[in-house]
Amino acid sequence: LFFPLSPPPPPHPHSSREHQLFENFVQTSTCKGTLQAFSILCRQLELDPLDYKNFYSSLKVAVSSWKVKALWTKLDKRAQHKVYSQNRACEGTRCLVIGGGPCGLRTAIELALLGCKVVVIEKRDTFSRNNVLHLWPFTIHDLKGLEAKKFYGKFCAGSIDHISIRQLQLMLLKVCLILGVEVHVNVEFVKLTEPPSEQTGPGWRAQINPPSHPVSDFDFDVVIGADGRRSTLEGFSRKEFRGKLAIAITANFVNRNTTAEAKVEEISGVAFIFNQKFFLELKEETGETRPKFLLFLSLCPRLNEHVF
């Protein structure tokens, strides 16, 4: 007997358009392109990115394609951790993050999951640092929990346990925007403006360049300086941990994805703690535990660039 199958239900009239807008955002490869694609996404889907409490849930409803369900599932699972108290652990807290590097963006994600209103300012509008970072296992686990592979398909593929700073920033920036974090580029922090002693006027604010930017009117409860060792946030003691001084040479060249490149065995770096066998063999041959000068080659066939 033959039973004809019933036809599948017709697709939602706007589902393909919404999915394409979201994919355009996901696939962007620059900071400015990401922010522009996000702005178009919000405008076309009539979403308010300033409504940080409801933006993520509204975006999930608007973009419901099966291709993004894995992303929503991962982010939902992360948000369900007890420490976040269902997005209410720090509800109502307003936070300013200075610096849009990996540390600043990852901190912004954590604050958003805690329920904070988060604003990130970054004085540049480009992500240009191709330096390759070695990722600790717990860092890889953390980024996988944010569905990093959705934004960078080559993330930790096979034996690769490193990534360029630029790619890491792009991934984290996209997660920030999805979770309702405000990110403003070409905004430079100058100094803090203390509230009046009588507490009747505005709260803590930041003096910034350009002075007319809307962030200058943002009252915040928490400020986080994530703008590097030359931090512009005064009045706070800081400690920097560095290993012994050595000379290194780094050079980048474009990955042509040739057969010869694919055959080169990868190394993830030559830091002592990552490659103890390498340094033990070096000591046996030269008597030096940590040389003052070291030139090494790290070919990354599955990344966008190679690193010498």
C-alpha atoms as a PDB file:
ATOM      1  CA  LEU A   1       0.000   0.000   0.000  1.00  0.00           C
ATOM      2  CA  PHE A   2       1.196   3.525  -0.730  1.00  0.00           C
ATOM      3  CA  PHE A   3       0.327   6.416   1.540  1.00  0.00           C
ATOM      4  CA  PRO A   4       1.258   9.807   0.068  1.00  0.00           C
ATOM      5  CA  LEU A   5       3.078  12.061   2.490  1.00  0.00           C
ATOM      6  CA  SER A   6       1.372  15.287   3.425  1.00  0.00           C
ATOM      7  CA  PRO A   7       3.193  18.369   2.144  1.00  0.00           C
ATOM      8  CA  PRO A   8       5.381  20.236   4.661  1.00  0.00           C
ATOM      9  CA  PRO A   9       3.928  23.395   6.201  1.00  0.00           C
ATOM     10  CA  PRO A  10       4.723  26.558   4.255  1.00  0.00           C
ATOM     11  CA  PRO A  11       7.662  28.554   5.608  1.00  0.00           C
ATOM     12  CA  HIS A  12       7.083  31.713   7.563  1.00  0.00           C
ATOM     13  CA  PRO A  13       6.856  34.549   4.999  1.00  0.00           C
ATOM     14  CA  HIS A  14       9.777  36.416   6.596  1.00  0.00           C
ATOM     15  CA  SER A  15      11.854  33.518   7.953  1.00  0.00           C
ATOM     16  CA  SER A  16      14.348  33.409   5.080  1.00  0.00           C
ATOM     17  CA  ARG A  17      14.838  37.171   5.164  1.00  0.00           C
ATOM     18  CA  GLU A  18      15.375  37.181   8.930  1.00  0.00           C
ATOM     19  CA  HIS A  19      17.792  34.282   8.734  1.00  0.00           C
ATOM     20  CA  GLN A  20      19.779  35.961   5.951  1.00  0.00           C
ATOM     21  CA  LEU A  21      20.035  39.196   7.926  1.00  0.00           C
ATOM     22  CA  PHE A  22      21.315  37.275  10.931  1.00  0.00           C
ATOM     23  CA  GLU A  23      23.770  35.267   8.822  1.00  0.00           C
ATOM     24  CA  ASN A  24      25.097  38.498   7.314  1.00  0.00           C
ATOM     25  CA  PHE A  25      25.802  39.649  10.864  1.00  0.00           C
ATOM     26  CA  VAL A  26      27.419  36.344  11.854  1.00  0.00           C
ATOM     27  CA  GLN A  27      29.677  36.202   8.788  1.00  0.00           C
ATOM     28  CA  THR A  28      31.103  39.731   9.019  1.00  0.00           C
ATOM     29  CA  SER A  29      34.887  39.848   9.308  1.00  0.00           C
ATOM     30  CA  THR A  30      35.561  43.366  10.600  1.00  0.00           C
ATOM     31  CA  CYS A  31      34.566  45.406  13.626  1.00  0.00           C
ATOM     32  CA  LYS A  32      32.849  48.134  11.606  1.00  0.00           C
ATOM     33  CA  GLY A  33      31.151  45.566   9.382  1.00  0.00           C
ATOM     34  CA  THR A  34      29.810  43.729  12.427  1.00  0.00           C
ATOM     35  CA  LEU A  35      28.350  46.875  13.964  1.00  0.00           C
ATOM     36  CA  GLN A  36      26.827  47.914  10.640  1.00  0.00           C
ATOM     37  CA  ALA A  37      25.272  44.482  10.019  1.00  0.00           C
ATOM     38  CA  PHE A  38      23.909  44.464  13.570  1.00  0.00           C
ATOM     39  CA  SER A  39      22.339  47.888  13.058  1.00  0.00           C
ATOM     40  CA  ILE A  40      20.679  46.712   9.831  1.00  0.00           C
ATOM     41  CA  LEU A  41      19.462  43.535  11.557  1.00  0.00           C
ATOM     42  CA  CYS A  42      17.843  45.500  14.384  1.00  0.00           C
ATOM     43  CA  ARG A  43      16.294  48.053  12.050  1.00  0.00           C
ATOM     44  CA  GLN A  44      14.856  45.503   9.621  1.00  0.00           C
ATOM     45  CA  LEU A  45      13.456  43.290  12.387  1.00  0.00           C
ATOM     46  CA  GLU A  46      12.246  46.297  14.403  1.00  0.00           C
ATOM     47  CA  LEU A  47      14.278  45.364  17.478  1.00  0.00           C
ATOM     48  CA  ASP A  48      15.443  47.901  20.050  1.00  0.00           C
ATOM     49  CA  PRO A  49      19.088  47.169  20.997  1.00  0.00           C
ATOM     50  CA  LEU A  50      18.822  49.595  23.931  1.00  0.00           C
ATOM     51  CA  ASP A  51      16.183  47.390  25.562  1.00  0.00           C
ATOM     52  CA  TYR A  52      18.903  45.262  27.130  1.00  0.00           C
ATOM     53  CA  LYS A  53      16.553  43.322  29.414  1.00  0.00           C
ATOM     54  CA  ASN A  54      14.447  41.959  26.559  1.00  0.00           C
ATOM     55  CA  PHE A  55      16.680  42.198  23.500  1.00  0.00           C
ATOM     56  CA  TYR A  56      18.062  38.647  23.553  1.00  0.00           C
ATOM     57  CA  SER A  57      14.647  37.020  23.980  1.00  0.00           C
ATOM     58  CA  SER A  58      13.161  39.262  21.270  1.00  0.00           C
ATOM     59  CA  LEU A  59      15.981  38.347  18.886  1.00  0.00           C
ATOM     60  CA  LYS A  60      15.397  34.634  19.511  1.00  0.00           C
ATOM     61  CA  VAL A  61      11.738  35.003  18.608  1.00  0.00           C
ATOM     62  CA  ALA A  62      12.542  37.016  15.479  1.00  0.00           C
ATOM     63  CA  VAL A  63      15.268  34.633  14.240  1.00  0.00           C
ATOM     64  CA  SER A  64      13.962  31.118  14.778  1.00  0.00           C
ATOM     65  CA  SER A  65      15.600  29.248  11.901  1.00  0.00           C
ATOM     66  CA  TRP A  66      16.818  25.752  12.742  1.00  0.00           C
ATOM     67  CA  LYS A  67      20.311  26.869  11.720  1.00  0.00           C
ATOM     68  CA  VAL A  68      20.594  29.131  14.760  1.00  0.00           C
ATOM     69  CA  LYS A  69      18.929  26.858  17.305  1.00  0.00           C
ATOM     70  CA  ALA A  70      22.296  25.498  18.435  1.00  0.00           C
ATOM     71  CA  LEU A  71      23.410  29.039  19.250  1.00  0.00           C
ATOM     72  CA  TRP A  72      20.284  29.803  21.274  1.00  0.00           C
ATOM     73  CA  THR A  73      20.571  26.458  23.074  1.00  0.00           C
ATOM     74  CA  LYS A  74      24.191  27.104  24.082  1.00  0.00           C
ATOM     75  CA  LEU A  75      23.529  30.652  25.279  1.00  0.00           C
ATOM     76  CA  ASP A  76      20.396  29.579  27.166  1.00  0.00           C
ATOM     77  CA  LYS A  77      22.342  26.815  28.877  1.00  0.00           C
ATOM     78  CA  ARG A  78      25.045  29.274  29.878  1.00  0.00           C
ATOM     79  CA  ALA A  79      22.502  31.759  31.233  1.00  0.00           C
ATOM     80  CA  GLN A  80      20.955  29.037  33.403  1.00  0.00           C
ATOM     81  CA  HIS A  81      24.023  28.767  35.644  1.00  0.00           C
ATOM     82  CA  LYS A  82      23.031  29.346  39.262  1.00  0.00           C
ATOM     83  CA  VAL A  83      25.478  32.209  39.722  1.00  0.00           C
ATOM     84  CA  TYR A  84      23.447  34.387  37.341  1.00  0.00           C
ATOM     85  CA  SER A  85      20.186  33.920  39.298  1.00  0.00           C
ATOM     86  CA  GLN A  86      18.203  33.874  36.054  1.00  0.00           C
ATOM     87  CA  ASN A  87      19.736  37.130  34.846  1.00  0.00           C
ATOM     88  CA  ARG A  88      18.881  38.928  38.090  1.00  0.00           C
ATOM     89  CA  ALA A  89      22.056  38.597  40.189  1.00  0.00           C
ATOM     90  CA  CYS A  90      23.081  42.196  39.423  1.00  0.00           C
ATOM     91  CA  GLU A  91      19.811  43.488  38.034  1.00  0.00           C
ATOM     92  CA  GLY A  92      19.754  47.269  37.710  1.00  0.00           C
ATOM     93  CA  THR A  93      23.535  47.674  38.002  1.00  0.00           C
ATOM     94  CA  ARG A  94      24.969  49.970  35.335  1.00  0.00           C
ATOM     95  CA  CYS A  95      28.482  49.153  34.153  1.00  0.00           C
ATOM     96  CA  LEU A  96      30.966  50.966  31.941  1.00  0.00           C
ATOM     97  CA  VAL A  97      33.732  48.856  30.393  1.00  0.00           C
ATOM     98  CA  ILE A  98      36.727  50.766  29.025  1.00  0.00           C
ATOM     99  CA  GLY A  99      38.353  48.826  26.197  1.00  0.00           C
ATOM    100  CA  GLY A 100      37.034  46.475  23.528  1.00  0.00           C
ATOM    101  CA  GLY A 101      39.802  43.887  23.652  1.00  0.00           C
ATOM    102  CA  PRO A 102      39.229  40.217  24.535  1.00  0.00           C
ATOM    103  CA  CYS A 103      39.225  40.924  28.291  1.00  0.00           C
ATOM    104  CA  GLY A 104      36.843  43.870  28.051  1.00  0.00           C
ATOM    105  CA  LEU A 105      34.395  42.075  25.758  1.00  0.00           C
ATOM    106  CA  ARG A 106      34.433  38.836  27.761  1.00  0.00           C
ATOM    107  CA  THR A 107      33.827  40.821  30.956  1.00  0.00           C
ATOM    108  CA  ALA A 108      30.918  42.599  29.270  1.00  0.00           C
ATOM    109  CA  ILE A 109      29.360  39.226  28.390  1.00  0.00           C
ATOM    110  CA  GLU A 110      29.600  38.092  31.999  1.00  0.00           C
ATOM    111  CA  LEU A 111      28.052  41.322  33.273  1.00  0.00           C
ATOM    112  CA  ALA A 112      25.188  41.004  30.780  1.00  0.00           C
ATOM    113  CA  LEU A 113      24.499  37.448  31.949  1.00  0.00           C
ATOM    114  CA  LEU A 114      24.362  38.774  35.515  1.00  0.00           C
ATOM    115  CA  GLY A 115      21.634  41.199  34.447  1.00  0.00           C
ATOM    116  CA  CYS A 116      23.634  44.432  34.266  1.00  0.00           C
ATOM    117  CA  LYS A 117      23.172  47.313  31.875  1.00  0.00           C
ATOM    118  CA  VAL A 118      26.546  47.242  30.075  1.00  0.00           C
ATOM    119  CA  VAL A 119      28.212  49.864  27.893  1.00  0.00           C
ATOM    120  CA  VAL A 120      31.593  49.208  26.237  1.00  0.00           C
ATOM    121  CA  ILE A 121      33.695  52.020  24.774  1.00  0.00           C
ATOM    122  CA  GLU A 122      36.650  51.433  22.448  1.00  0.00           C
ATOM    123  CA  LYS A 123      38.815  54.208  21.022  1.00  0.00           C
ATOM    124  CA  ARG A 124      39.498  52.316  17.773  1.00  0.00           C
ATOM    125  CA  ASP A 125      37.082  51.051  15.141  1.00  0.00           C
ATOM    126  CA  THR A 126      39.217  48.220  13.770  1.00  0.00           C
ATOM    127  CA  PHE A 127      40.418  44.854  15.046  1.00  0.00           C
ATOM    128  CA  SER A 128      43.858  44.526  13.490  1.00  0.00           C
ATOM    129  CA  ARG A 129      45.904  42.435  15.928  1.00  0.00           C
ATOM    130  CA  ASN A 130      46.830  39.171  14.225  1.00  0.00           C
ATOM    131  CA  ASN A 131      48.969  38.017  17.150  1.00  0.00           C
ATOM    132  CA  VAL A 132      48.113  34.395  17.875  1.00  0.00           C
ATOM    133  CA  LEU A 133      47.142  33.485  21.434  1.00  0.00           C
ATOM    134  CA  HIS A 134      47.509  30.051  22.973  1.00  0.00           C
ATOM    135  CA  LEU A 135      44.207  29.111  24.615  1.00  0.00           C
ATOM    136  CA  TRP A 136      44.134  27.246  27.905  1.00  0.00           C
ATOM    137  CA  PRO A 137      41.765  24.234  27.993  1.00  0.00           C
ATOM    138  CA  PHE A 138      39.365  26.027  30.344  1.00  0.00           C
ATOM    139  CA  THR A 139      39.302  29.023  27.973  1.00  0.00           C
ATOM    140  CA  ILE A 140      38.425  26.768  25.041  1.00  0.00           C
ATOM    141  CA  HIS A 141      35.660  25.199  27.140  1.00  0.00           C
ATOM    142  CA  ASP A 142      34.343  28.650  28.048  1.00  0.00           C
ATOM    143  CA  LEU A 143      34.279  29.865  24.438  1.00  0.00           C
ATOM    144  CA  LYS A 144      32.618  26.672  23.238  1.00  0.00           C
ATOM    145  CA  GLY A 145      29.927  27.355  25.832  1.00  0.00           C
ATOM    146  CA  LEU A 146      29.276  30.620  23.990  1.00  0.00           C
ATOM    147  CA  GLU A 147      29.008  28.706  20.674  1.00  0.00           C
ATOM    148  CA  ALA A 148      32.218  30.238  19.317  1.00  0.00           C
ATOM    149  CA  LYS A 149      32.171  27.930  16.287  1.00  0.00           C
ATOM    150  CA  LYS A 150      29.003  29.617  15.036  1.00  0.00           C
ATOM    151  CA  PHE A 151      30.999  32.803  14.546  1.00  0.00           C
ATOM    152  CA  TYR A 152      34.301  31.207  13.536  1.00  0.00           C
ATOM    153  CA  GLY A 153      33.925  27.745  12.068  1.00  0.00           C
ATOM    154  CA  LYS A 154      37.647  26.959  12.342  1.00  0.00           C
ATOM    155  CA  PHE A 155      37.684  27.561  16.095  1.00  0.00           C
ATOM    156  CA  CYS A 156      39.798  24.862  17.778  1.00  0.00           C
ATOM    157  CA  ALA A 157      39.403  22.466  14.860  1.00  0.00           C
ATOM    158  CA  GLY A 158      41.444  19.313  15.354  1.00  0.00           C
ATOM    159  CA  SER A 159      44.612  19.983  17.326  1.00  0.00           C
ATOM    160  CA  ILE A 160      44.445  23.765  17.005  1.00  0.00           C
ATOM    161  CA  ASP A 161      44.376  25.404  20.426  1.00  0.00           C
ATOM    162  CA  HIS A 162      45.170  28.968  19.444  1.00  0.00           C
ATOM    163  CA  ILE A 163      43.500  31.893  17.704  1.00  0.00           C
ATOM    164  CA  SER A 164      44.373  35.386  16.531  1.00  0.00           C
ATOM    165  CA  ILE A 165      43.341  38.250  18.798  1.00  0.00           C
ATOM    166  CA  ARG A 166      41.351  39.766  15.936  1.00  0.00           C
ATOM    167  CA  GLN A 167      39.207  36.661  15.466  1.00  0.00           C
ATOM    168  CA  LEU A 168      38.705  36.338  19.212  1.00  0.00           C
ATOM    169  CA  GLN A 169      37.523  39.950  19.438  1.00  0.00           C
ATOM    170  CA  LEU A 170      35.081  39.455  16.563  1.00  0.00           C
ATOM    171  CA  MET A 171      33.527  36.399  18.213  1.00  0.00           C
ATOM    172  CA  LEU A 172      33.146  38.108  21.566  1.00  0.00           C
ATOM    173  CA  LEU A 173      31.813  41.316  20.002  1.00  0.00           C
ATOM    174  CA  LYS A 174      29.006  39.398  18.285  1.00  0.00           C
ATOM    175  CA  VAL A 175      28.046  37.596  21.495  1.00  0.00           C
ATOM    176  CA  CYS A 176      28.038  40.944  23.331  1.00  0.00           C
ATOM    177  CA  LEU A 177      25.644  42.489  20.833  1.00  0.00           C
ATOM    178  CA  ILE A 178      23.332  39.469  20.907  1.00  0.00           C
ATOM    179  CA  LEU A 179      23.106  39.720  24.706  1.00  0.00           C
ATOM    180  CA  GLY A 180      22.167  43.403  24.627  1.00  0.00           C
ATOM    181  CA  VAL A 181      25.540  45.006  25.380  1.00  0.00           C
ATOM    182  CA  GLU A 182      26.032  48.499  23.951  1.00  0.00           C
ATOM    183  CA  VAL A 183      29.348  48.801  22.103  1.00  0.00           C
ATOM    184  CA  HIS A 184      30.626  52.191  20.956  1.00  0.00           C
ATOM    185  CA  VAL A 185      33.781  52.576  18.856  1.00  0.00           C
ATOM    186  CA  ASN A 186      35.810  55.728  18.225  1.00  0.00           C
ATOM    187  CA  VAL A 187      35.091  56.756  21.819  1.00  0.00           C
ATOM    188  CA  GLU A 188      38.118  57.482  24.010  1.00  0.00           C
ATOM    189  CA  PHE A 189      37.971  57.534  27.799  1.00  0.00           C
ATOM    190  CA  VAL A 190      39.620  60.591  29.389  1.00  0.00           C
ATOM    191  CA  LYS A 191      38.777  60.520  33.095  1.00  0.00           C
ATOM    192  CA  LEU A 192      36.065  59.870  35.660  1.00  0.00           C
ATOM    193  CA  THR A 193      33.667  62.605  36.730  1.00  0.00           C
ATOM    194  CA  GLU A 194      32.763  62.229  40.395  1.00  0.00           C
ATOM    195  CA  PRO A 195      29.146  62.887  41.416  1.00  0.00           C
ATOM    196  CA  PRO A 196      28.380  65.911  43.617  1.00  0.00           C
ATOM    197  CA  SER A 197      28.716  65.356  47.354  1.00  0.00           C
ATOM    198  CA  GLU A 198      25.039  66.098  48.019  1.00  0.00           C
ATOM    199  CA  GLN A 199      24.057  63.225  45.670  1.00  0.00           C
ATOM    200  CA  THR A 200      21.248  65.224  44.092  1.00  0.00           C
ATOM    201  CA  GLY A 201      22.741  65.500  40.610  1.00  0.00           C
ATOM    202  CA  PRO A 202      24.039  62.894  38.181  1.00  0.00           C
ATOM    203  CA  GLY A 203      26.001  59.865  39.349  1.00  0.00           C
ATOM    204  CA  TRP A 204      29.439  58.722  38.238  1.00  0.00           C
ATOM    205  CA  ARG A 205      30.125  59.649  34.638  1.00  0.00           C
ATOM    206  CA  ALA A 206      33.007  59.475  32.192  1.00  0.00           C
ATOM    207  CA  GLN A 207      34.644  62.352  30.394  1.00  0.00           C
ATOM    208  CA  ILE A 208      35.235  61.111  26.871  1.00  0.00           C
ATOM    209  CA  ASN A 209      36.245  62.148  23.383  1.00  0.00           C
ATOM    210  CA  PRO A 210      34.236  63.214  21.496  1.00  0.00           C
ATOM    211  CA  PRO A 211      32.587  65.115  24.393  1.00  0.00           C
ATOM    212  CA  SER A 212      29.204  65.229  22.631  1.00  0.00           C
ATOM    213  CA  HIS A 213      28.853  61.437  22.428  1.00  0.00           C
ATOM    214  CA  PRO A 214      25.739  60.084  24.240  1.00  0.00           C
ATOM    215  CA  VAL A 215      27.927  57.922  26.514  1.00  0.00           C
ATOM    216  CA  SER A 216      29.020  61.128  28.268  1.00  0.00           C
ATOM    217  CA  ASP A 217      25.519  61.248  29.833  1.00  0.00           C
ATOM    218  CA  PHE A 218      25.594  57.626  31.023  1.00  0.00           C
ATOM    219  CA  ASP A 219      25.455  57.307  34.830  1.00  0.00           C
ATOM    220  CA  PHE A 220      27.145  54.108  35.996  1.00  0.00           C
ATOM    221  CA  ASP A 221      27.658  52.219  39.238  1.00  0.00           C
ATOM    222  CA  VAL A 222      30.676  50.172  38.153  1.00  0.00           C
ATOM    223  CA  VAL A 223      33.615  51.045  35.912  1.00  0.00           C
ATOM    224  CA  ILE A 224      36.019  48.415  34.597  1.00  0.00           C
ATOM    225  CA  GLY A 225      39.332  49.387  33.036  1.00  0.00           C
ATOM    226  CA  ALA A 226      40.207  46.847  30.341  1.00  0.00           C
ATOM    227  CA  ASP A 227      42.307  49.076  28.121  1.00  0.00           C
ATOM    228  CA  GLY A 228      45.681  47.437  28.676  1.00  0.00           C
ATOM    229  CA  ARG A 229      48.740  48.136  30.764  1.00  0.00           C
ATOM    230  CA  ARG A 230      48.695  51.812  29.795  1.00  0.00           C
ATOM    231  CA  SER A 231      45.283  52.119  31.412  1.00  0.00           C
ATOM    232  CA  THR A 232      43.809  55.612  31.504  1.00  0.00           C
ATOM    233  CA  LEU A 233      41.805  54.824  34.642  1.00  0.00           C
ATOM    234  CA  GLU A 234      43.658  56.650  37.420  1.00  0.00           C
ATOM    235  CA  GLY A 235      43.687  56.012  41.143  1.00  0.00           C
ATOM    236  CA  PHE A 236      43.896  52.215  41.110  1.00  0.00           C
ATOM    237  CA  SER A 237      47.013  50.210  41.874  1.00  0.00           C
ATOM    238  CA  ARG A 238      47.804  47.459  39.399  1.00  0.00           C
ATOM    239  CA  LYS A 239      50.240  44.591  39.219  1.00  0.00           C
ATOM    240  CA  GLU A 240      51.640  43.103  36.046  1.00  0.00           C
ATOM    241  CA  PHE A 241      52.988  39.576  35.770  1.00  0.00           C
ATOM    242  CA  ARG A 242      55.662  38.970  33.155  1.00  0.00           C
ATOM    243  CA  GLY A 243      58.164  36.211  32.525  1.00  0.00           C
ATOM    244  CA  LYS A 244      61.865  36.643  31.898  1.00  0.00           C
ATOM    245  CA  LEU A 245      62.795  38.974  29.086  1.00  0.00           C
ATOM    246  CA  ALA A 246      63.645  37.407  25.743  1.00  0.00           C
ATOM    247  CA  ILE A 247      63.804  38.471  22.122  1.00  0.00           C
ATOM    248  CA  ALA A 248      61.228  37.124  19.695  1.00  0.00           C
ATOM    249  CA  ILE A 249      60.573  37.619  16.013  1.00  0.00           C
ATOM    250  CA  THR A 250      57.024  37.400  14.703  1.00  0.00           C
ATOM    251  CA  ALA A 251      55.923  37.655  11.089  1.00  0.00           C
ATOM    252  CA  ASN A 252      52.580  36.960   9.463  1.00  0.00           C
ATOM    253  CA  PHE A 253      51.846  35.864   5.924  1.00  0.00           C
ATOM    254  CA  VAL A 254      48.647  34.941   4.135  1.00  0.00           C
ATOM    255  CA  ASN A 255      47.447  31.347   4.279  1.00  0.00           C
ATOM    256  CA  ARG A 256      47.173  30.201   0.633  1.00  0.00           C
ATOM    257  CA  ASN A 257      45.731  26.811   1.651  1.00  0.00           C
ATOM    258  CA  THR A 258      48.185  24.948  -0.553  1.00  0.00           C
ATOM    259  CA  THR A 259      48.981  21.243  -0.262  1.00  0.00           C
ATOM    260  CA  ALA A 260      52.487  22.023   0.977  1.00  0.00           C
ATOM    261  CA  GLU A 261      51.154  24.245   3.762  1.00  0.00           C
ATOM    262  CA  ALA A 262      48.656  21.617   4.852  1.00  0.00           C
ATOM    263  CA  LYS A 263      51.479  19.078   5.348  1.00  0.00           C
ATOM    264  CA  VAL A 264      53.412  21.251   7.798  1.00  0.00           C
ATOM    265  CA  GLU A 265      53.097  20.032  11.372  1.00  0.00           C
ATOM    266  CA  GLU A 266      51.679  22.641  13.702  1.00  0.00           C
ATOM    267  CA  ILE A 267      53.079  23.883  16.974  1.00  0.00           C
ATOM    268  CA  SER A 268      51.022  26.119  19.203  1.00  0.00           C
ATOM    269  CA  GLY A 269      53.899  28.161  20.587  1.00  0.00           C
ATOM    270  CA  VAL A 270      57.168  27.759  22.440  1.00  0.00           C
ATOM    271  CA  ALA A 271      56.279  29.004  25.896  1.00  0.00           C
ATOM    272  CA  PHE A 272      57.968  26.824  28.504  1.00  0.00           C
ATOM    273  CA  ILE A 273      54.749  25.737  30.161  1.00  0.00           C
ATOM    274  CA  PHE A 274      53.178  24.688  26.844  1.00  0.00           C
ATOM    275  CA  ASN A 275      56.152  22.832  25.345  1.00  0.00           C
ATOM    276  CA  GLN A 276      58.188  21.461  28.225  1.00  0.00           C
ATOM    277  CA  LYS A 277      59.615  18.621  26.106  1.00  0.00           C
ATOM    278  CA  PHE A 278      60.957  21.150  23.584  1.00  0.00           C
ATOM    279  CA  PHE A 279      62.796  23.078  26.292  1.00  0.00           C
ATOM    280  CA  LEU A 280      64.154  19.947  27.990  1.00  0.00           C
ATOM    281  CA  GLU A 281      65.675  18.824  24.701  1.00  0.00           C
ATOM    282  CA  LEU A 282      67.041  22.327  24.176  1.00  0.00           C
ATOM    283  CA  LYS A 283      68.700  22.244  27.599  1.00  0.00           C
ATOM    284  CA  GLU A 284      70.332  18.876  26.865  1.00  0.00           C
ATOM    285  CA  GLU A 285      71.761  20.190  23.595  1.00  0.00           C
ATOM    286  CA  THR A 286      72.815  23.703  24.613  1.00  0.00           C
ATOM    287  CA  GLY A 287      72.793  23.822  28.405  1.00  0.00           C
ATOM    288  CA  GLU A 288      70.370  26.765  28.215  1.00  0.00           C
ATOM    289  CA  THR A 289      67.053  26.463  30.024  1.00  0.00           C
ATOM    290  CA  ARG A 290      65.514  29.523  28.405  1.00  0.00           C
ATOM    291  CA  PRO A 291      67.455  31.132  25.557  1.00  0.00           C
ATOM    292  CA  LYS A 292      67.681  34.895  25.266  1.00  0.00           C
ATOM    293  CA  PHE A 293      66.929  34.712  21.564  1.00  0.00           C
ATOM    294  CA  LEU A 294      64.556  32.300  19.908  1.00  0.00           C
ATOM    295  CA  LEU A 295      63.152  32.152  16.388  1.00  0.00           C
ATOM    296  CA  PHE A 296      60.352  29.677  15.821  1.00  0.00           C
ATOM    297  CA  LEU A 297      57.862  28.796  13.131  1.00  0.00           C
ATOM    298  CA  SER A 298      54.199  28.089  13.762  1.00  0.00           C
ATOM    299  CA  LEU A 299      52.217  27.234  10.649  1.00  0.00           C
ATOM    300  CA  CYS A 300      48.463  27.257  11.079  1.00  0.00           C
ATOM    301  CA  PRO A 301      46.945  25.824   7.867  1.00  0.00           C
ATOM    302  CA  ARG A 302      43.396  26.075   9.181  1.00  0.00           C
ATOM    303  CA  LEU A 303      43.669  29.701  10.280  1.00  0.00           C
ATOM    304  CA  ASN A 304      43.632  32.807   8.103  1.00  0.00           C
ATOM    305  CA  GLU A 305      47.301  33.475   8.540  1.00  0.00           C
ATOM    306  CA  HIS A 306      50.583  31.764   9.368  1.00  0.00           C
ATOM    307  CA  VAL A 307      52.829  32.964  12.150  1.00  0.00           C
ATOM    308  CA  PHE A 308      56.631  32.902  12.202  1.00  0.00           C
END
